[in-house]
Amino acid sequence: MDASSQFKDSLPTTPKSLLAVLDSLAIDYVTHHHPPLRTVEDAKAHRGDMPGTHIKNLFLRDRKKRNFLLVAQEDRIIDLKTLEHSIGCDRLSFGSADRLFEMLGVRPGAVSPLTLINDSDHKVALLLDTALRDGGRVYAHPLVNDMTVGITGPALLTFFAHTGHQPQWLDL
């Protein structure tokens, strides 16, 4: 299965349900529909002029089996060894597709900060690039990779408070 809307009914939370949560929190957002985008390169090729911060999202796991969602500016070069020291863990690696679905309820290509809606047990720690603090619009997939939602940084913090996730801010 891919990460597009074609399979949205197989997800624990649908994009429609997620957007209803944003509405209930009075979060202003804009929605864009597009072909499935699995990578930053795909997104750059299709987005046109969408001012704001475009992100990349990494689902990571350490040797102690702790899970992390790293949300960074799309062009940041992430050195996992440096990140390990920054967050005080050992042997970071990418989480498997099965674990991603189990923890965040999405498939590879649809990872975003909005997937934390599915982490009600708080098994995934949130790591945020300090560049996301500026208050400009941040673009993220709403659980599928053929849609993008633009949401402000402060509104994203409101969403994290709703899900019970306290971000750890990192200078990457």
C-alpha atoms as a PDB file:
ATOM      1  CA  MET A   1       0.000   0.000   0.000  1.00  0.00           C
ATOM      2  CA  ASP A   2       1.142   3.518  -0.654  1.00  0.00           C
ATOM      3  CA  ALA A   3       0.613   6.626   1.455  1.00  0.00           C
ATOM      4  CA  SER A   4      -1.969   8.358  -0.759  1.00  0.00           C
ATOM      5  CA  SER A   5      -5.635   9.119  -0.075  1.00  0.00           C
ATOM      6  CA  GLN A   6      -6.554   6.019  -2.053  1.00  0.00           C
ATOM      7  CA  PHE A   7      -5.862   4.037   1.143  1.00  0.00           C
ATOM      8  CA  LYS A   8      -7.078   6.600   3.694  1.00  0.00           C
ATOM      9  CA  ASP A   9      -9.742   4.248   5.053  1.00  0.00           C
ATOM     10  CA  SER A  10      -7.021   1.816   6.158  1.00  0.00           C
ATOM     11  CA  LEU A  11      -5.527   4.442   8.496  1.00  0.00           C
ATOM     12  CA  PRO A  12      -6.379   4.727  12.211  1.00  0.00           C
ATOM     13  CA  THR A  13      -7.280   8.401  11.640  1.00  0.00           C
ATOM     14  CA  THR A  14      -8.441   9.756   8.299  1.00  0.00           C
ATOM     15  CA  PRO A  15      -7.311  13.103   6.923  1.00  0.00           C
ATOM     16  CA  LYS A  16     -10.913  14.309   7.258  1.00  0.00           C
ATOM     17  CA  SER A  17     -10.913  13.429  10.977  1.00  0.00           C
ATOM     18  CA  LEU A  18      -7.566  15.169  11.467  1.00  0.00           C
ATOM     19  CA  LEU A  19      -8.833  18.335   9.771  1.00  0.00           C
ATOM     20  CA  ALA A  20     -11.931  18.196  11.996  1.00  0.00           C
ATOM     21  CA  VAL A  21      -9.592  18.239  15.028  1.00  0.00           C
ATOM     22  CA  LEU A  22      -7.791  21.293  13.620  1.00  0.00           C
ATOM     23  CA  ASP A  23     -11.186  22.949  13.107  1.00  0.00           C
ATOM     24  CA  SER A  24     -12.245  22.116  16.684  1.00  0.00           C
ATOM     25  CA  LEU A  25      -9.058  23.790  17.952  1.00  0.00           C
ATOM     26  CA  ALA A  26      -9.837  26.887  15.826  1.00  0.00           C
ATOM     27  CA  ILE A  27      -6.602  26.338  13.915  1.00  0.00           C
ATOM     28  CA  ASP A  28      -6.447  28.153  10.597  1.00  0.00           C
ATOM     29  CA  TYR A  29      -4.944  26.109   7.781  1.00  0.00           C
ATOM     30  CA  VAL A  30      -4.850  25.909   4.007  1.00  0.00           C
ATOM     31  CA  THR A  31      -5.099  22.624   2.131  1.00  0.00           C
ATOM     32  CA  HIS A  32      -3.375  21.764  -1.137  1.00  0.00           C
ATOM     33  CA  HIS A  33      -4.130  18.652  -3.220  1.00  0.00           C
ATOM     34  CA  HIS A  34      -1.393  17.255  -5.474  1.00  0.00           C
ATOM     35  CA  PRO A  35       0.057  13.999  -6.819  1.00  0.00           C
ATOM     36  CA  PRO A  36       1.583  11.718  -4.155  1.00  0.00           C
ATOM     37  CA  LEU A  37       4.863  13.196  -2.878  1.00  0.00           C
ATOM     38  CA  ARG A  38       7.180  10.788  -1.062  1.00  0.00           C
ATOM     39  CA  THR A  39      10.331  12.880  -0.770  1.00  0.00           C
ATOM     40  CA  VAL A  40      11.522  16.449  -0.324  1.00  0.00           C
ATOM     41  CA  GLU A  41      12.688  16.352  -3.947  1.00  0.00           C
ATOM     42  CA  ASP A  42       9.180  15.359  -5.100  1.00  0.00           C
ATOM     43  CA  ALA A  43       7.693  18.221  -3.082  1.00  0.00           C
ATOM     44  CA  LYS A  44      10.121  20.783  -4.471  1.00  0.00           C
ATOM     45  CA  ALA A  45       9.229  19.744  -8.020  1.00  0.00           C
ATOM     46  CA  HIS A  46       5.463  20.157  -7.496  1.00  0.00           C
ATOM     47  CA  ARG A  47       4.825  22.906  -4.960  1.00  0.00           C
ATOM     48  CA  GLY A  48       5.333  26.040  -7.012  1.00  0.00           C
ATOM     49  CA  ASP A  49       5.283  29.253  -4.978  1.00  0.00           C
ATOM     50  CA  MET A  50       4.138  28.321  -1.479  1.00  0.00           C
ATOM     51  CA  PRO A  51       5.797  30.808   0.881  1.00  0.00           C
ATOM     52  CA  GLY A  52       6.700  29.473   4.289  1.00  0.00           C
ATOM     53  CA  THR A  53       8.721  26.667   5.824  1.00  0.00           C
ATOM     54  CA  HIS A  54       8.846  23.339   4.064  1.00  0.00           C
ATOM     55  CA  ILE A  55       9.885  20.435   6.246  1.00  0.00           C
ATOM     56  CA  LYS A  56      11.285  16.960   6.280  1.00  0.00           C
ATOM     57  CA  ASN A  57      10.274  14.421   8.885  1.00  0.00           C
ATOM     58  CA  LEU A  58      12.371  11.546  10.161  1.00  0.00           C
ATOM     59  CA  PHE A  59      10.990   8.682  12.234  1.00  0.00           C
ATOM     60  CA  LEU A  60      13.913   7.459  14.337  1.00  0.00           C
ATOM     61  CA  ARG A  61      14.635   4.838  16.989  1.00  0.00           C
ATOM     62  CA  ASP A  62      17.563   4.432  19.361  1.00  0.00           C
ATOM     63  CA  ARG A  63      19.288   1.431  20.879  1.00  0.00           C
ATOM     64  CA  LYS A  64      17.020   1.586  23.939  1.00  0.00           C
ATOM     65  CA  LYS A  65      14.009   1.299  21.578  1.00  0.00           C
ATOM     66  CA  ARG A  66      12.884   4.876  22.164  1.00  0.00           C
ATOM     67  CA  ASN A  67      11.090   6.454  19.208  1.00  0.00           C
ATOM     68  CA  PHE A  68      11.537   9.992  17.897  1.00  0.00           C
ATOM     69  CA  LEU A  69       9.915  12.186  15.282  1.00  0.00           C
ATOM     70  CA  LEU A  70      12.380  14.778  14.013  1.00  0.00           C
ATOM     71  CA  VAL A  71      10.810  17.692  12.140  1.00  0.00           C
ATOM     72  CA  ALA A  72      13.355  19.926  10.417  1.00  0.00           C
ATOM     73  CA  GLN A  73      13.602  22.511   7.689  1.00  0.00           C
ATOM     74  CA  GLU A  74      13.657  20.563   4.412  1.00  0.00           C
ATOM     75  CA  ASP A  75      17.225  21.492   3.424  1.00  0.00           C
ATOM     76  CA  ARG A  76      18.805  20.733   6.812  1.00  0.00           C
ATOM     77  CA  ILE A  77      21.522  18.145   6.679  1.00  0.00           C
ATOM     78  CA  ILE A  78      20.906  15.807   9.593  1.00  0.00           C
ATOM     79  CA  ASP A  79      23.931  14.045  11.041  1.00  0.00           C
ATOM     80  CA  LEU A  80      22.564  11.232  13.201  1.00  0.00           C
ATOM     81  CA  LYS A  81      25.765  11.043  15.289  1.00  0.00           C
ATOM     82  CA  THR A  82      25.523  14.745  16.154  1.00  0.00           C
ATOM     83  CA  LEU A  83      21.805  14.357  16.841  1.00  0.00           C
ATOM     84  CA  GLU A  84      22.522  11.448  19.191  1.00  0.00           C
ATOM     85  CA  HIS A  85      24.736  13.722  21.307  1.00  0.00           C
ATOM     86  CA  SER A  86      22.192  16.569  21.214  1.00  0.00           C
ATOM     87  CA  ILE A  87      19.375  14.432  22.598  1.00  0.00           C
ATOM     88  CA  GLY A  88      21.439  12.139  24.806  1.00  0.00           C
ATOM     89  CA  CYS A  89      20.832   8.829  23.113  1.00  0.00           C
ATOM     90  CA  ASP A  90      22.833   6.116  21.443  1.00  0.00           C
ATOM     91  CA  ARG A  91      22.703   4.489  17.994  1.00  0.00           C
ATOM     92  CA  LEU A  92      19.924   6.342  16.208  1.00  0.00           C
ATOM     93  CA  SER A  93      18.537   4.659  13.120  1.00  0.00           C
ATOM     94  CA  PHE A  94      15.451   4.965  10.968  1.00  0.00           C
ATOM     95  CA  GLY A  95      12.357   3.214  12.266  1.00  0.00           C
ATOM     96  CA  SER A  96      10.820   0.456  10.166  1.00  0.00           C
ATOM     97  CA  ALA A  97       7.684   0.925   8.065  1.00  0.00           C
ATOM     98  CA  ASP A  98       5.814  -1.477  10.359  1.00  0.00           C
ATOM     99  CA  ARG A  99       6.850   0.415  13.481  1.00  0.00           C
ATOM    100  CA  LEU A 100       5.961   3.721  11.800  1.00  0.00           C
ATOM    101  CA  PHE A 101       2.442   2.468  11.126  1.00  0.00           C
ATOM    102  CA  GLU A 102       2.146   1.028  14.644  1.00  0.00           C
ATOM    103  CA  MET A 103       3.327   4.224  16.361  1.00  0.00           C
ATOM    104  CA  LEU A 104       2.116   7.044  14.086  1.00  0.00           C
ATOM    105  CA  GLY A 105      -0.525   5.383  11.930  1.00  0.00           C
ATOM    106  CA  VAL A 106       0.940   6.298   8.539  1.00  0.00           C
ATOM    107  CA  ARG A 107       3.015   4.759   5.807  1.00  0.00           C
ATOM    108  CA  PRO A 108       6.412   5.963   4.584  1.00  0.00           C
ATOM    109  CA  GLY A 109       6.008   9.115   2.546  1.00  0.00           C
ATOM    110  CA  ALA A 110       3.281  10.572   4.765  1.00  0.00           C
ATOM    111  CA  VAL A 111       5.240  11.204   7.977  1.00  0.00           C
ATOM    112  CA  SER A 112       4.584  14.656   9.419  1.00  0.00           C
ATOM    113  CA  PRO A 113       4.127  16.366  12.779  1.00  0.00           C
ATOM    114  CA  LEU A 114       0.373  15.883  12.311  1.00  0.00           C
ATOM    115  CA  THR A 115       0.836  12.109  12.690  1.00  0.00           C
ATOM    116  CA  LEU A 116       1.170  12.672  16.439  1.00  0.00           C
ATOM    117  CA  ILE A 117      -2.644  12.610  16.490  1.00  0.00           C
ATOM    118  CA  ASN A 118      -2.190   8.815  16.449  1.00  0.00           C
ATOM    119  CA  ASP A 119       0.349   8.657  19.304  1.00  0.00           C
ATOM    120  CA  SER A 120      -2.101   8.762  22.196  1.00  0.00           C
ATOM    121  CA  ASP A 121       0.263   6.674  24.344  1.00  0.00           C
ATOM    122  CA  HIS A 122       3.069   9.221  23.861  1.00  0.00           C
ATOM    123  CA  LYS A 123       5.595   6.638  22.735  1.00  0.00           C
ATOM    124  CA  VAL A 124       7.182   9.039  20.239  1.00  0.00           C
ATOM    125  CA  ALA A 125       9.275  12.003  21.403  1.00  0.00           C
ATOM    126  CA  LEU A 126       8.966  15.144  19.283  1.00  0.00           C
ATOM    127  CA  LEU A 127      12.168  16.881  18.146  1.00  0.00           C
ATOM    128  CA  LEU A 128      11.730  20.247  16.405  1.00  0.00           C
ATOM    129  CA  ASP A 129      14.141  22.393  14.445  1.00  0.00           C
ATOM    130  CA  THR A 130      14.280  25.869  16.034  1.00  0.00           C
ATOM    131  CA  ALA A 131      13.765  27.299  12.530  1.00  0.00           C
ATOM    132  CA  LEU A 132      10.080  26.345  12.888  1.00  0.00           C
ATOM    133  CA  ARG A 133       9.566  28.884  15.701  1.00  0.00           C
ATOM    134  CA  ASP A 134       9.319  31.963  13.484  1.00  0.00           C
ATOM    135  CA  GLY A 135       5.528  31.826  13.201  1.00  0.00           C
ATOM    136  CA  GLY A 136       5.423  31.499   9.418  1.00  0.00           C
ATOM    137  CA  ARG A 137       3.397  28.832   7.682  1.00  0.00           C
ATOM    138  CA  VAL A 138       4.719  25.267   7.945  1.00  0.00           C
ATOM    139  CA  TYR A 139       3.646  22.695   5.348  1.00  0.00           C
ATOM    140  CA  ALA A 140       2.924  19.092   6.351  1.00  0.00           C
ATOM    141  CA  HIS A 141       1.061  16.051   5.033  1.00  0.00           C
ATOM    142  CA  PRO A 142      -2.262  15.425   6.823  1.00  0.00           C
ATOM    143  CA  LEU A 143      -1.643  11.646   7.158  1.00  0.00           C
ATOM    144  CA  VAL A 144      -1.557  11.070   3.378  1.00  0.00           C
ATOM    145  CA  ASN A 145       1.011  12.206   0.842  1.00  0.00           C
ATOM    146  CA  ASP A 146      -1.298  13.593  -1.837  1.00  0.00           C
ATOM    147  CA  MET A 147      -2.387  16.501   0.339  1.00  0.00           C
ATOM    148  CA  THR A 148      -0.449  19.223   2.144  1.00  0.00           C
ATOM    149  CA  VAL A 149      -1.699  21.442   4.940  1.00  0.00           C
ATOM    150  CA  GLY A 150      -0.173  24.853   5.620  1.00  0.00           C
ATOM    151  CA  ILE A 151      -0.359  25.773   9.305  1.00  0.00           C
ATOM    152  CA  THR A 152       1.444  28.430  11.341  1.00  0.00           C
ATOM    153  CA  GLY A 153       4.146  27.481  13.836  1.00  0.00           C
ATOM    154  CA  PRO A 154       2.112  28.759  16.823  1.00  0.00           C
ATOM    155  CA  ALA A 155      -0.940  26.810  15.610  1.00  0.00           C
ATOM    156  CA  LEU A 156       1.221  23.712  15.351  1.00  0.00           C
ATOM    157  CA  LEU A 157       2.176  24.203  19.014  1.00  0.00           C
ATOM    158  CA  THR A 158      -1.536  24.350  19.865  1.00  0.00           C
ATOM    159  CA  PHE A 159      -1.949  21.032  18.056  1.00  0.00           C
ATOM    160  CA  PHE A 160       0.976  19.504  19.993  1.00  0.00           C
ATOM    161  CA  ALA A 161      -0.558  20.666  23.277  1.00  0.00           C
ATOM    162  CA  HIS A 162      -3.806  18.967  22.235  1.00  0.00           C
ATOM    163  CA  THR A 163      -1.982  15.689  21.524  1.00  0.00           C
ATOM    164  CA  GLY A 164       0.066  15.977  24.719  1.00  0.00           C
ATOM    165  CA  HIS A 165       3.449  16.208  22.991  1.00  0.00           C
ATOM    166  CA  GLN A 166       6.030  18.604  24.398  1.00  0.00           C
ATOM    167  CA  PRO A 167       8.587  19.426  21.711  1.00  0.00           C
ATOM    168  CA  GLN A 168      12.301  19.397  22.348  1.00  0.00           C
ATOM    169  CA  TRP A 169      13.737  22.306  20.344  1.00  0.00           C
ATOM    170  CA  LEU A 170      17.054  21.694  18.611  1.00  0.00           C
ATOM    171  CA  ASP A 171      19.534  23.945  16.841  1.00  0.00           C
ATOM    172  CA  LEU A 172      20.304  21.703  13.905  1.00  0.00           C
END
